[in-house]
PDB file of N, CA and C in Angstrom:
ATOM      1  N   UNK A   1     -25.974 -31.112  22.643  1.00  0.00           N
ATOM      2  CA  UNK A   1     -26.032 -30.916  21.221  1.00  0.00           C
ATOM      3  C   UNK A   1     -26.970 -29.763  20.880  1.00  0.00           C
ATOM      4  N   UNK A   2     -28.127 -29.715  21.560  1.00  0.00           N
ATOM      5  CA  UNK A   2     -29.076 -28.636  21.307  1.00  0.00           C
ATOM      6  C   UNK A   2     -28.498 -27.301  21.742  1.00  0.00           C
ATOM      7  N   UNK A   3     -27.707 -27.310  22.826  1.00  0.00           N
ATOM      8  CA  UNK A   3     -27.110 -26.060  23.298  1.00  0.00           C
ATOM      9  C   UNK A   3     -26.088 -25.540  22.290  1.00  0.00           C
ATOM     10  N   UNK A   4     -25.328 -26.454  21.711  1.00  0.00           N
ATOM     11  CA  UNK A   4     -24.325 -26.047  20.721  1.00  0.00           C
ATOM     12  C   UNK A   4     -25.018 -25.474  19.485  1.00  0.00           C
ATOM     13  N   UNK A   5     -26.067 -26.126  19.041  1.00  0.00           N
ATOM     14  CA  UNK A   5     -26.818 -25.652  17.884  1.00  0.00           C
ATOM     15  C   UNK A   5     -27.424 -24.281  18.155  1.00  0.00           C
ATOM     16  N   UNK A   6     -28.016 -24.103  19.349  1.00  0.00           N
ATOM     17  CA  UNK A   6     -28.600 -22.814  19.713  1.00  0.00           C
ATOM     18  C   UNK A   6     -27.521 -21.745  19.786  1.00  0.00           C
ATOM     19  N   UNK A   7     -26.354 -22.090  20.333  1.00  0.00           N
ATOM     20  CA  UNK A   7     -25.254 -21.136  20.429  1.00  0.00           C
ATOM     21  C   UNK A   7     -24.778 -20.731  19.031  1.00  0.00           C
ATOM     22  N   UNK A   8     -24.707 -21.680  18.099  1.00  0.00           N
ATOM     23  CA  UNK A   8     -24.274 -21.382  16.732  1.00  0.00           C
ATOM     24  C   UNK A   8     -25.280 -20.478  16.027  1.00  0.00           C
ATOM     25  N   UNK A   9     -26.563 -20.703  16.281  1.00  0.00           N
ATOM     26  CA  UNK A   9     -27.594 -19.860  15.668  1.00  0.00           C
ATOM     27  C   UNK A   9     -27.491 -18.441  16.193  1.00  0.00           C
ATOM     28  N   UNK A  10     -27.328 -18.292  17.511  1.00  0.00           N
ATOM     29  CA  UNK A  10     -27.187 -16.955  18.108  1.00  0.00           C
ATOM     30  C   UNK A  10     -25.939 -16.279  17.570  1.00  0.00           C
ATOM     31  N   UNK A  11     -24.848 -17.017  17.492  1.00  0.00           N
ATOM     32  CA  UNK A  11     -23.602 -16.464  16.973  1.00  0.00           C
ATOM     33  C   UNK A  11     -23.778 -16.012  15.519  1.00  0.00           C
ATOM     34  N   UNK A  12     -24.510 -16.794  14.714  1.00  0.00           N
ATOM     35  CA  UNK A  12     -24.757 -16.426  13.326  1.00  0.00           C
ATOM     36  C   UNK A  12     -25.578 -15.151  13.240  1.00  0.00           C
ATOM     37  N   UNK A  13     -26.589 -15.015  14.104  1.00  0.00           N
ATOM     38  CA  UNK A  13     -27.404 -13.793  14.095  1.00  0.00           C
ATOM     39  C   UNK A  13     -26.580 -12.578  14.486  1.00  0.00           C
ATOM     40  N   UNK A  14     -25.583 -12.756  15.333  1.00  0.00           N
ATOM     41  CA  UNK A  14     -24.735 -11.638  15.738  1.00  0.00           C
ATOM     42  C   UNK A  14     -23.643 -11.355  14.710  1.00  0.00           C
ATOM     43  N   UNK A  15     -23.131 -12.380  14.076  1.00  0.00           N
ATOM     44  CA  UNK A  15     -22.010 -12.209  13.162  1.00  0.00           C
ATOM     45  C   UNK A  15     -22.444 -11.639  11.816  1.00  0.00           C
ATOM     46  N   UNK A  16     -23.616 -12.027  11.333  1.00  0.00           N
ATOM     47  CA  UNK A  16     -24.055 -11.569  10.005  1.00  0.00           C
ATOM     48  C   UNK A  16     -24.222 -10.054   9.963  1.00  0.00           C
ATOM     49  N   UNK A  17     -24.906  -9.421  10.926  1.00  0.00           N
ATOM     50  CA  UNK A  17     -24.994  -7.959  10.872  1.00  0.00           C
ATOM     51  C   UNK A  17     -23.640  -7.288  11.036  1.00  0.00           C
ATOM     52  N   UNK A  18     -22.767  -7.867  11.835  1.00  0.00           N
ATOM     53  CA  UNK A  18     -21.444  -7.279  12.017  1.00  0.00           C
ATOM     54  C   UNK A  18     -20.662  -7.322  10.710  1.00  0.00           C
ATOM     55  N   UNK A  19     -20.791  -8.402   9.950  1.00  0.00           N
ATOM     56  CA  UNK A  19     -20.098  -8.503   8.664  1.00  0.00           C
ATOM     57  C   UNK A  19     -20.712  -7.545   7.650  1.00  0.00           C
ATOM     58  N   UNK A  20     -22.007  -7.350   7.718  1.00  0.00           N
ATOM     59  CA  UNK A  20     -22.678  -6.459   6.776  1.00  0.00           C
ATOM     60  C   UNK A  20     -22.301  -5.011   7.020  1.00  0.00           C
ATOM     61  N   UNK A  21     -21.959  -4.666   8.245  1.00  0.00           N
ATOM     62  CA  UNK A  21     -21.622  -3.286   8.572  1.00  0.00           C
ATOM     63  C   UNK A  21     -20.188  -2.942   8.213  1.00  0.00           C
ATOM     64  N   UNK A  22     -19.395  -3.927   7.914  1.00  0.00           N
ATOM     65  CA  UNK A  22     -17.997  -3.673   7.599  1.00  0.00           C
ATOM     66  C   UNK A  22     -17.907  -2.915   6.280  1.00  0.00           C
ATOM     67  N   UNK A  23     -17.307  -1.734   6.333  1.00  0.00           N
ATOM     68  CA  UNK A  23     -17.190  -0.894   5.143  1.00  0.00           C
ATOM     69  C   UNK A  23     -15.889  -1.227   4.420  1.00  0.00           C
ATOM     70  N   UNK A  24     -15.895  -1.073   3.109  1.00  0.00           N
ATOM     71  CA  UNK A  24     -14.651  -1.338   2.388  1.00  0.00           C
ATOM     72  C   UNK A  24     -13.601  -0.285   2.730  1.00  0.00           C
ATOM     73  N   UNK A  25     -12.378  -0.720   2.744  1.00  0.00           N
ATOM     74  CA  UNK A  25     -11.284   0.201   3.050  1.00  0.00           C
ATOM     75  C   UNK A  25     -11.092   1.131   1.860  1.00  0.00           C
ATOM     76  N   UNK A  26     -10.750   2.381   2.111  1.00  0.00           N
ATOM     77  CA  UNK A  26     -10.496   3.291   0.987  1.00  0.00           C
ATOM     78  C   UNK A  26      -9.248   2.841   0.224  1.00  0.00           C
ATOM     79  N   UNK A  27      -9.274   3.106  -1.060  1.00  0.00           N
ATOM     80  CA  UNK A  27      -8.151   2.702  -1.896  1.00  0.00           C
ATOM     81  C   UNK A  27      -6.964   3.621  -1.666  1.00  0.00           C
ATOM     82  N   UNK A  28      -5.793   3.055  -1.774  1.00  0.00           N
ATOM     83  CA  UNK A  28      -4.579   3.872  -1.691  1.00  0.00           C
ATOM     84  C   UNK A  28      -4.456   4.650  -2.994  1.00  0.00           C
ATOM     85  N   UNK A  29      -3.662   5.710  -3.013  1.00  0.00           N
ATOM     86  CA  UNK A  29      -3.489   6.452  -4.269  1.00  0.00           C
ATOM     87  C   UNK A  29      -2.997   5.557  -5.414  1.00  0.00           C
ATOM     88  N   UNK A  30      -2.100   4.639  -5.104  1.00  0.00           N
ATOM     89  CA  UNK A  30      -1.610   3.721  -6.140  1.00  0.00           C
ATOM     90  C   UNK A  30      -2.742   2.841  -6.668  1.00  0.00           C
ATOM     91  N   UNK A  31      -3.590   2.340  -5.777  1.00  0.00           N
ATOM     92  CA  UNK A  31      -4.716   1.502  -6.193  1.00  0.00           C
ATOM     93  C   UNK A  31      -5.720   2.310  -7.004  1.00  0.00           C
ATOM     94  N   UNK A  32      -5.930   3.570  -6.631  1.00  0.00           N
ATOM     95  CA  UNK A  32      -6.850   4.428  -7.386  1.00  0.00           C
ATOM     96  C   UNK A  32      -6.332   4.648  -8.799  1.00  0.00           C
ATOM     97  N   UNK A  33      -5.022   4.898  -8.910  1.00  0.00           N
ATOM     98  CA  UNK A  33      -4.419   5.104 -10.232  1.00  0.00           C
ATOM     99  C   UNK A  33      -4.557   3.836 -11.070  1.00  0.00           C
ATOM    100  N   UNK A  34      -4.250   2.688 -10.458  1.00  0.00           N
ATOM    101  CA  UNK A  34      -4.381   1.421 -11.183  1.00  0.00           C
ATOM    102  C   UNK A  34      -5.825   1.187 -11.610  1.00  0.00           C
ATOM    103  N   UNK A  35      -6.757   1.505 -10.732  1.00  0.00           N
ATOM    104  CA  UNK A  35      -8.177   1.336 -11.039  1.00  0.00           C
ATOM    105  C   UNK A  35      -8.584   2.228 -12.213  1.00  0.00           C
ATOM    106  N   UNK A  36      -8.128   3.468 -12.201  1.00  0.00           N
ATOM    107  CA  UNK A  36      -8.440   4.386 -13.303  1.00  0.00           C
ATOM    108  C   UNK A  36      -7.820   3.912 -14.613  1.00  0.00           C
ATOM    109  N   UNK A  37      -6.584   3.409 -14.541  1.00  0.00           N
ATOM    110  CA  UNK A  37      -5.925   2.908 -15.750  1.00  0.00           C
ATOM    111  C   UNK A  37      -6.704   1.728 -16.321  1.00  0.00           C
ATOM    112  N   UNK A  38      -7.137   0.831 -15.455  1.00  0.00           N
ATOM    113  CA  UNK A  38      -7.918  -0.325 -15.904  1.00  0.00           C
ATOM    114  C   UNK A  38      -9.230   0.141 -16.533  1.00  0.00           C
ATOM    115  N   UNK A  39      -9.871   1.137 -15.929  1.00  0.00           N
ATOM    116  CA  UNK A  39     -11.126   1.649 -16.487  1.00  0.00           C
ATOM    117  C   UNK A  39     -10.908   2.267 -17.863  1.00  0.00           C
ATOM    118  N   UNK A  40      -9.818   3.040 -18.010  1.00  0.00           N
ATOM    119  CA  UNK A  40      -9.518   3.658 -19.307  1.00  0.00           C
ATOM    120  C   UNK A  40      -9.229   2.585 -20.352  1.00  0.00           C
ATOM    121  N   UNK A  41      -8.455   1.574 -19.967  1.00  0.00           N
ATOM    122  CA  UNK A  41      -8.148   0.502 -20.913  1.00  0.00           C
ATOM    123  C   UNK A  41      -9.404  -0.265 -21.304  1.00  0.00           C
ATOM    124  N   UNK A  42     -10.285  -0.515 -20.354  1.00  0.00           N
ATOM    125  CA  UNK A  42     -11.554  -1.183 -20.669  1.00  0.00           C
ATOM    126  C   UNK A  42     -12.382  -0.339 -21.628  1.00  0.00           C
ATOM    127  N   UNK A  43     -12.403   0.978 -21.385  1.00  0.00           N
ATOM    128  CA  UNK A  43     -13.144   1.877 -22.270  1.00  0.00           C
ATOM    129  C   UNK A  43     -12.565   1.832 -23.683  1.00  0.00           C
ATOM    130  N   UNK A  44     -11.219   1.823 -23.776  1.00  0.00           N
ATOM    131  CA  UNK A  44     -10.586   1.777 -25.098  1.00  0.00           C
ATOM    132  C   UNK A  44     -10.886   0.461 -25.809  1.00  0.00           C
ATOM    133  N   UNK A  45     -10.894  -0.629 -25.064  1.00  0.00           N
ATOM    134  CA  UNK A  45     -11.217  -1.925 -25.670  1.00  0.00           C
ATOM    135  C   UNK A  45     -12.649  -1.916 -26.186  1.00  0.00           C
ATOM    136  N   UNK A  46     -13.573  -1.376 -25.380  1.00  0.00           N
ATOM    137  CA  UNK A  46     -14.969  -1.310 -25.819  1.00  0.00           C
ATOM    138  C   UNK A  46     -15.103  -0.418 -27.047  1.00  0.00           C
ATOM    139  N   UNK A  47     -14.423   0.738 -27.021  1.00  0.00           N
ATOM    140  CA  UNK A  47     -14.485   1.649 -28.164  1.00  0.00           C
ATOM    141  C   UNK A  47     -13.891   0.982 -29.400  1.00  0.00           C
ATOM    142  N   UNK A  48     -12.799   0.257 -29.219  1.00  0.00           N
ATOM    143  CA  UNK A  48     -12.181  -0.455 -30.337  1.00  0.00           C
ATOM    144  C   UNK A  48     -13.094  -1.524 -30.897  1.00  0.00           C
ATOM    145  N   UNK A  49     -13.770  -2.235 -30.015  1.00  0.00           N
ATOM    146  CA  UNK A  49     -14.681  -3.278 -30.500  1.00  0.00           C
ATOM    147  C   UNK A  49     -15.862  -2.657 -31.237  1.00  0.00           C
ATOM    148  N   UNK A  50     -16.317  -1.489 -30.770  1.00  0.00           N
ATOM    149  CA  UNK A  50     -17.401  -0.801 -31.485  1.00  0.00           C
ATOM    150  C   UNK A  50     -16.915  -0.345 -32.857  1.00  0.00           C
ATOM    151  N   UNK A  51     -15.670   0.125 -32.926  1.00  0.00           N
ATOM    152  CA  UNK A  51     -15.115   0.561 -34.198  1.00  0.00           C
ATOM    153  C   UNK A  51     -14.998  -0.618 -35.159  1.00  0.00           C
ATOM    154  N   UNK A  52     -14.535  -1.745 -34.647  1.00  0.00           N
ATOM    155  CA  UNK A  52     -14.416  -2.943 -35.484  1.00  0.00           C
ATOM    156  C   UNK A  52     -15.794  -3.383 -35.967  1.00  0.00           C
ATOM    157  N   UNK A  53     -16.766  -3.351 -35.078  1.00  0.00           N
ATOM    158  CA  UNK A  53     -18.129  -3.739 -35.460  1.00  0.00           C
ATOM    159  C   UNK A  53     -18.668  -2.799 -36.535  1.00  0.00           C
ATOM    160  N   UNK A  54     -18.441  -1.503 -36.355  1.00  0.00           N
ATOM    161  CA  UNK A  54     -18.906  -0.531 -37.349  1.00  0.00           C
ATOM    162  C   UNK A  54     -18.223  -0.771 -38.692  1.00  0.00           C
ATOM    163  N   UNK A  55     -16.934  -1.090 -38.671  1.00  0.00           N
ATOM    164  CA  UNK A  55     -16.212  -1.356 -39.917  1.00  0.00           C
ATOM    165  C   UNK A  55     -16.755  -2.610 -40.599  1.00  0.00           C
ATOM    166  N   UNK A  56     -17.068  -3.629 -39.813  1.00  0.00           N
ATOM    167  CA  UNK A  56     -17.629  -4.855 -40.390  1.00  0.00           C
ATOM    168  C   UNK A  56     -18.995  -4.589 -41.015  1.00  0.00           C
ATOM    169  N   UNK A  57     -19.806  -3.790 -40.338  1.00  0.00           N
ATOM    170  CA  UNK A  57     -21.127  -3.452 -40.874  1.00  0.00           C
ATOM    171  C   UNK A  57     -20.974  -2.677 -42.176  1.00  0.00           C
ATOM    172  N   UNK A  58     -20.039  -1.732 -42.193  1.00  0.00           N
ATOM    173  CA  UNK A  58     -19.822  -0.944 -43.404  1.00  0.00           C
ATOM    174  C   UNK A  58     -19.327  -1.832 -44.546  1.00  0.00           C
ATOM    175  N   UNK A  59     -18.446  -2.778 -44.229  1.00  0.00           N
ATOM    176  CA  UNK A  59     -17.963  -3.705 -45.248  1.00  0.00           C
ATOM    177  C   UNK A  59     -19.107  -4.544 -45.808  1.00  0.00           C
ATOM    178  N   UNK A  60     -19.982  -5.015 -44.945  1.00  0.00           N
ATOM    179  CA  UNK A  60     -21.141  -5.784 -45.405  1.00  0.00           C
ATOM    180  C   UNK A  60     -22.044  -4.926 -46.289  1.00  0.00           C
ATOM    181  N   UNK A  61     -22.225  -3.651 -45.909  1.00  0.00           N
ATOM    182  CA  UNK A  61     -23.039  -2.757 -46.736  1.00  0.00           C
ATOM    183  C   UNK A  61     -22.411  -2.559 -48.111  1.00  0.00           C
ATOM    184  N   UNK A  62     -21.086  -2.445 -48.144  1.00  0.00           N
ATOM    185  CA  UNK A  62     -20.398  -2.294 -49.428  1.00  0.00           C
ATOM    186  C   UNK A  62     -20.593  -3.548 -50.274  1.00  0.00           C
ATOM    187  N   UNK A  63     -20.454  -4.724 -49.645  1.00  0.00           N
ATOM    188  CA  UNK A  63     -20.657  -5.976 -50.382  1.00  0.00           C
ATOM    189  C   UNK A  63     -22.080  -6.063 -50.921  1.00  0.00           C
ATOM    190  N   UNK A  64     -23.048  -5.710 -50.082  1.00  0.00           N
ATOM    191  CA  UNK A  64     -24.450  -5.759 -50.504  1.00  0.00           C
ATOM    192  C   UNK A  64     -24.690  -4.780 -51.643  1.00  0.00           C
ATOM    193  N   UNK A  65     -24.098  -3.592 -51.550  1.00  0.00           N
ATOM    194  CA  UNK A  65     -24.259  -2.588 -52.602  1.00  0.00           C
ATOM    195  C   UNK A  65     -23.670  -3.094 -53.914  1.00  0.00           C
ATOM    196  N   UNK A  66     -22.481  -3.716 -53.839  1.00  0.00           N
ATOM    197  CA  UNK A  66     -21.871  -4.252 -55.062  1.00  0.00           C
ATOM    198  C   UNK A  66     -22.734  -5.367 -55.653  1.00  0.00           C
ATOM    199  N   UNK A  67     -23.266  -6.230 -54.797  1.00  0.00           N
ATOM    200  CA  UNK A  67     -24.144  -7.298 -55.285  1.00  0.00           C
ATOM    201  C   UNK A  67     -25.395  -6.705 -55.922  1.00  0.00           C
ATOM    202  N   UNK A  68     -25.956  -5.689 -55.268  1.00  0.00           N
ATOM    203  CA  UNK A  68     -27.154  -5.036 -55.798  1.00  0.00           C
ATOM    204  C   UNK A  68     -26.856  -4.409 -57.155  1.00  0.00           C
ATOM    205  N   UNK A  69     -25.704  -3.739 -57.266  1.00  0.00           N
ATOM    206  CA  UNK A  69     -25.344  -3.116 -58.540  1.00  0.00           C
ATOM    207  C   UNK A  69     -25.163  -4.166 -59.636  1.00  0.00           C
ATOM    208  N   UNK A  70     -24.553  -5.299 -59.291  1.00  0.00           N
ATOM    209  CA  UNK A  70     -24.365  -6.366 -60.278  1.00  0.00           C
ATOM    210  C   UNK A  70     -25.712  -6.938 -60.710  1.00  0.00           C
ATOM    211  N   UNK A  71     -26.618  -7.116 -59.766  1.00  0.00           N
ATOM    212  CA  UNK A  71     -27.951  -7.639 -60.094  1.00  0.00           C
ATOM    213  C   UNK A  71     -28.706  -6.648 -60.964  1.00  0.00           C
ATOM    214  N   UNK A  72     -28.620  -5.363 -60.622  1.00  0.00           N
ATOM    215  CA  UNK A  72     -29.300  -4.333 -61.420  1.00  0.00           C
ATOM    216  C   UNK A  72     -28.753  -4.325 -62.844  1.00  0.00           C
ATOM    217  N   UNK A  73     -27.423  -4.420 -62.979  1.00  0.00           N
ATOM    218  CA  UNK A  73     -26.815  -4.422 -64.312  1.00  0.00           C
ATOM    219  C   UNK A  73     -27.285  -5.633 -65.118  1.00  0.00           C
ATOM    220  N   UNK A  74     -27.317  -6.811 -64.469  1.00  0.00           N
ATOM    221  CA  UNK A  74     -27.767  -8.021 -65.150  1.00  0.00           C
ATOM    222  C   UNK A  74     -29.227  -7.885 -65.579  1.00  0.00           C
ATOM    223  N   UNK A  75     -30.070  -7.360 -64.683  1.00  0.00           N
ATOM    224  CA  UNK A  75     -31.486  -7.199 -65.009  1.00  0.00           C
ATOM    225  C   UNK A  75     -31.688  -6.173 -66.123  1.00  0.00           C
ATOM    226  N   UNK A  76     -30.877  -5.110 -66.128  1.00  0.00           N
ATOM    227  CA  UNK A  76     -30.978  -4.125 -67.204  1.00  0.00           C
ATOM    228  C   UNK A  76     -30.604  -4.750 -68.547  1.00  0.00           C
ATOM    229  N   UNK A  77     -29.570  -5.613 -68.533  1.00  0.00           N
ATOM    230  CA  UNK A  77     -29.184  -6.292 -69.775  1.00  0.00           C
ATOM    231  C   UNK A  77     -30.293  -7.230 -70.243  1.00  0.00           C
ATOM    232  N   UNK A  78     -30.907  -7.944 -69.303  1.00  0.00           N
ATOM    233  CA  UNK A  78     -32.023  -8.825 -69.669  1.00  0.00           C
ATOM    234  C   UNK A  78     -33.193  -8.014 -70.211  1.00  0.00           C
ATOM    235  N   UNK A  79     -33.465  -6.871 -69.584  1.00  0.00           N
ATOM    236  CA  UNK A  79     -34.552  -6.011 -70.050  1.00  0.00           C
ATOM    237  C   UNK A  79     -34.261  -5.483 -71.447  1.00  0.00           C
ATOM    238  N   UNK A  80     -33.019  -5.094 -71.682  1.00  0.00           N
ATOM    239  CA  UNK A  80     -32.636  -4.598 -73.006  1.00  0.00           C
ATOM    240  C   UNK A  80     -32.816  -5.698 -74.051  1.00  0.00           C
ATOM    241  N   UNK A  81     -32.386  -6.919 -73.708  1.00  0.00           N
ATOM    242  CA  UNK A  81     -32.546  -8.043 -74.640  1.00  0.00           C
ATOM    243  C   UNK A  81     -34.024  -8.347 -74.862  1.00  0.00           C
ATOM    244  N   UNK A  82     -34.816  -8.304 -73.806  1.00  0.00           N
ATOM    245  CA  UNK A  82     -36.252  -8.573 -73.936  1.00  0.00           C
ATOM    246  C   UNK A  82     -36.924  -7.495 -74.774  1.00  0.00           C
ATOM    247  N   UNK A  83     -36.555  -6.235 -74.575  1.00  0.00           N
ATOM    248  CA  UNK A  83     -37.124  -5.145 -75.378  1.00  0.00           C
ATOM    249  C   UNK A  83     -36.746  -5.304 -76.850  1.00  0.00           C
ATOM    250  N   UNK A  84     -35.510  -5.723 -77.113  1.00  0.00           N
ATOM    251  CA  UNK A  84     -35.088  -5.940 -78.501  1.00  0.00           C
ATOM    252  C   UNK A  84     -35.888  -7.080 -79.122  1.00  0.00           C
ATOM    253  N   UNK A  85     -36.099  -8.135 -78.348  1.00  0.00           N
ATOM    254  CA  UNK A  85     -36.881  -9.267 -78.857  1.00  0.00           C
ATOM    255  C   UNK A  85     -38.323  -8.847 -79.134  1.00  0.00           C
ATOM    256  N   UNK A  86     -38.902  -8.049 -78.233  1.00  0.00           N
ATOM    257  CA  UNK A  86     -40.267  -7.550 -78.435  1.00  0.00           C
ATOM    258  C   UNK A  86     -40.326  -6.695 -79.695  1.00  0.00           C
ATOM    259  N   UNK A  87     -39.324  -5.852 -79.907  1.00  0.00           N
ATOM    260  CA  UNK A  87     -39.308  -5.001 -81.100  1.00  0.00           C
ATOM    261  C   UNK A  87     -39.227  -5.852 -82.367  1.00  0.00           C
ATOM    262  N   UNK A  88     -38.380  -6.904 -82.349  1.00  0.00           N
ATOM    263  CA  UNK A  88     -38.286  -7.794 -83.514  1.00  0.00           C
ATOM    264  C   UNK A  88     -39.610  -8.498 -83.770  1.00  0.00           C
ATOM    265  N   UNK A  89     -40.233  -8.980 -82.701  1.00  0.00           N
ATOM    266  CA  UNK A  89     -41.514  -9.679 -82.861  1.00  0.00           C
ATOM    267  C   UNK A  89     -42.600  -8.734 -83.359  1.00  0.00           C
ATOM    268  N   UNK A  90     -42.579  -7.481 -82.901  1.00  0.00           N
ATOM    269  CA  UNK A  90     -43.558  -6.502 -83.393  1.00  0.00           C
ATOM    270  C   UNK A  90     -43.355  -6.241 -84.879  1.00  0.00           C
ATOM    271  N   UNK A  91     -42.078  -6.144 -85.306  1.00  0.00           N
ATOM    272  CA  UNK A  91     -41.800  -5.924 -86.733  1.00  0.00           C
ATOM    273  C   UNK A  91     -42.274  -7.116 -87.554  1.00  0.00           C
ATOM    274  N   UNK A  92     -42.022  -8.335 -87.024  1.00  0.00           N
ATOM    275  CA  UNK A  92     -42.475  -9.528 -87.745  1.00  0.00           C
ATOM    276  C   UNK A  92     -43.994  -9.561 -87.836  1.00  0.00           C
ATOM    277  N   UNK A  93     -44.663  -9.233 -86.729  1.00  0.00           N
ATOM    278  CA  UNK A  93     -46.131  -9.268 -86.748  1.00  0.00           C
ATOM    279  C   UNK A  93     -46.679  -8.190 -87.672  1.00  0.00           C
ATOM    280  N   UNK A  94     -46.031  -7.031 -87.741  1.00  0.00           N
ATOM    281  CA  UNK A  94     -46.468  -5.983 -88.669  1.00  0.00           C
ATOM    282  C   UNK A  94     -46.257  -6.439 -90.110  1.00  0.00           C
ATOM    283  N   UNK A  95     -45.129  -7.117 -90.345  1.00  0.00           N
ATOM    284  CA  UNK A  95     -44.845  -7.598 -91.702  1.00  0.00           C
ATOM    285  C   UNK A  95     -45.859  -8.660 -92.103  1.00  0.00           C
ATOM    286  N   UNK A  96     -46.219  -9.529 -91.175  1.00  0.00           N
ATOM    287  CA  UNK A  96     -47.207 -10.568 -91.464  1.00  0.00           C
ATOM    288  C   UNK A  96     -48.565  -9.935 -91.720  1.00  0.00           C
ATOM    289  N   UNK A  97     -48.932  -8.945 -90.941  1.00  0.00           N
ATOM    290  CA  UNK A  97     -50.220  -8.271 -91.108  1.00  0.00           C
ATOM    291  C   UNK A  97     -50.242  -7.529 -92.440  1.00  0.00           C
ATOM    292  N   UNK A  98     -49.128  -6.864 -92.806  1.00  0.00           N
ATOM    293  CA  UNK A  98     -49.078  -6.117 -94.069  1.00  0.00           C
ATOM    294  C   UNK A  98     -49.175  -7.058 -95.271  1.00  0.00           C
ATOM    295  N   UNK A  99     -48.493  -8.170 -95.244  1.00  0.00           N
ATOM    296  CA  UNK A  99     -48.532  -9.098 -96.375  1.00  0.00           C
ATOM    297  C   UNK A  99     -49.809  -9.917 -96.397  1.00  0.00           C
ATOM    298  N   UNK A 100     -50.419 -10.085 -95.256  1.00  0.00           N
ATOM    299  CA  UNK A 100     -51.643 -10.874 -95.164  1.00  0.00           C
ATOM    300  C   UNK A 100     -52.861 -10.117 -95.643  1.00  0.00           C
ATOM    301  N   UNK A 101     -52.853  -8.830 -95.692  1.00  0.00           N
ATOM    302  CA  UNK A 101     -54.022  -8.049 -96.113  1.00  0.00           C
ATOM    303  C   UNK A 101     -54.024  -7.807 -97.549  1.00  0.00           C
TER     304      UNK A 101
END
């Protein structure tokens, strides 16, 4: 049993470097073409996903801009109403001061 185990260990030490030295076979022209086509298609998919992401970001910016514009318009209307109220109150206070003196 010990001899078999020792033999397997020696065989493993010899087989591992032999497997590591095995170089990959060169690709055939057909395999190279297929590999290039796959790379181009992967690049197009990545570029397409970047384009979609950019479009989504731009859409979100447009939505945010529209929301901002609506908020600004609402705040301007509130400011206009508040300024009108202040002007009315100033006129009333001036009228009270004029009649009170």
